[in-house]
Amino acid sequence: MKPTDEYKICSLEEAEEFAKKREKGSEHGYCPNCKADLDGGSIWEHFYKLTGSEEKADKSAEAYGATKEKGQWGRAVGIYDRDLDRTVAWFCPDCHHKWGRV
């Protein structure tokens, strides 16, 4: 059994549908099980609330590749395998569903 086998809970069709939904609207897609939106809020707004400065928010968001108009935090939790040195699956914080990489 490979380390990733235990995380392949959803079917290939479900994983492909998840990927299509990600392309259509949400930056981080939706949980293939409970359909929760996995966007976690604007990166720029987070830094604006933290600093109170548009200039500082611009600079901090830029470090994440985000701008005032685009860039969301992701809510899905990555499951990392040290031996493979990569993320092998994702975990939904709402329903605790796990799915393999797409």
Protein backbone atom coordinates (compact mmCIF):
# COMPACT_ATOMS: atom_id res chain seq x y z
CA MET A 1 0.00 0.00 0.00
CA LYS A 2 1.35 3.43 -0.96
CA PRO A 3 1.01 6.27 1.59
CA THR A 4 -1.54 8.01 -0.66
CA ASP A 5 -3.88 4.99 -0.95
CA GLU A 6 -5.56 5.60 2.41
CA TYR A 7 -6.70 9.08 1.29
CA LYS A 8 -8.44 8.10 -1.96
CA ILE A 9 -11.92 8.22 -0.49
CA CYS A 10 -13.79 9.95 -3.31
CA SER A 11 -14.07 8.58 -6.83
CA LEU A 12 -12.12 9.90 -9.80
CA GLU A 13 -15.35 11.44 -11.11
CA GLU A 14 -15.86 13.33 -7.83
CA ALA A 15 -12.28 14.59 -7.87
CA GLU A 16 -12.63 15.77 -11.48
CA GLU A 17 -15.87 17.58 -10.65
CA PHE A 18 -14.08 19.25 -7.72
CA ALA A 19 -11.36 20.47 -10.10
CA LYS A 20 -13.94 21.83 -12.57
CA LYS A 21 -15.71 23.77 -9.81
CA ARG A 22 -12.38 25.24 -8.76
CA GLU A 23 -11.86 26.54 -12.30
CA LYS A 24 -15.31 28.17 -12.42
CA GLY A 25 -15.44 30.39 -9.37
CA SER A 26 -13.79 29.71 -6.07
CA GLU A 27 -10.01 30.11 -6.10
CA HIS A 28 -9.58 27.05 -3.89
CA GLY A 29 -12.59 25.05 -5.06
CA TYR A 30 -15.16 23.18 -3.04
CA CYS A 31 -15.11 20.11 -0.84
CA PRO A 32 -16.06 17.12 -3.00
CA ASN A 33 -18.12 15.74 -0.11
CA CYS A 34 -20.02 18.62 1.56
CA LYS A 35 -19.50 21.18 -1.25
CA ALA A 36 -18.21 23.82 1.21
CA ASP A 37 -16.39 26.74 -0.43
CA LEU A 38 -12.72 26.39 0.47
CA ASP A 39 -11.85 30.06 0.01
CA GLY A 40 -10.92 31.52 3.37
CA GLY A 41 -11.22 35.25 2.82
CA SER A 42 -9.27 37.99 1.09
CA ILE A 43 -5.53 38.04 1.77
CA TRP A 44 -5.41 41.80 1.10
CA GLU A 45 -8.31 42.52 3.48
CA HIS A 46 -6.60 40.46 6.19
CA PHE A 47 -3.49 42.63 6.01
CA TYR A 48 -5.51 45.83 5.72
CA LYS A 49 -7.38 45.00 8.94
CA LEU A 50 -4.07 44.09 10.59
CA THR A 51 -2.18 47.24 9.57
CA GLY A 52 -4.88 49.83 8.78
CA SER A 53 -2.80 50.91 5.79
CA GLU A 54 -3.55 50.23 2.12
CA GLU A 55 0.15 50.60 1.27
CA LYS A 56 1.22 48.02 3.89
CA ALA A 57 -1.64 45.71 2.88
CA ASP A 58 -0.51 45.96 -0.77
CA LYS A 59 3.07 45.08 0.17
CA SER A 60 2.14 42.17 2.44
CA ALA A 61 -0.45 40.73 0.02
CA GLU A 62 2.08 40.94 -2.81
CA ALA A 63 4.29 38.45 -0.92
CA TYR A 64 1.43 35.93 -1.37
CA GLY A 65 0.79 36.83 -5.02
CA ALA A 66 -2.42 38.62 -4.04
CA THR A 67 -3.83 42.07 -4.78
CA LYS A 68 -6.79 44.08 -3.53
CA GLU A 69 -8.94 42.47 -6.27
CA LYS A 70 -7.74 38.84 -6.15
CA GLY A 71 -6.16 36.36 -3.79
CA GLN A 72 -7.90 34.25 -1.16
CA TRP A 73 -6.61 32.25 1.75
CA GLY A 74 -7.32 28.54 1.35
CA ARG A 75 -9.27 26.59 3.96
CA ALA A 76 -8.42 23.05 2.82
CA VAL A 77 -5.77 21.45 5.01
CA GLY A 78 -2.91 19.80 3.14
CA ILE A 79 -1.78 16.37 4.31
CA TYR A 80 1.97 16.18 3.82
CA ASP A 81 4.08 13.03 3.49
CA ARG A 82 7.69 13.57 4.59
CA ASP A 83 8.99 10.50 2.76
CA LEU A 84 7.48 11.62 -0.54
CA ASP A 85 8.21 15.29 0.27
CA ARG A 86 4.87 16.49 -1.06
CA THR A 87 1.23 17.04 -0.23
CA VAL A 88 -0.53 13.72 -0.79
CA ALA A 89 -4.13 14.63 0.06
CA TRP A 90 -6.48 17.37 1.25
CA PHE A 91 -8.79 17.55 4.27
CA CYS A 92 -12.01 19.58 4.57
CA PRO A 93 -12.19 21.55 7.84
CA ASP A 94 -16.00 21.43 7.77
CA CYS A 95 -16.88 17.76 7.23
CA HIS A 96 -13.42 16.16 7.76
CA HIS A 97 -13.54 14.45 4.35
CA LYS A 98 -10.14 13.52 2.86
CA TRP A 99 -9.39 13.32 -0.85
CA GLY A 100 -6.29 12.67 -2.94
CA ARG A 101 -4.48 15.21 -5.07
CA VAL A 102 -6.13 16.07 -8.36
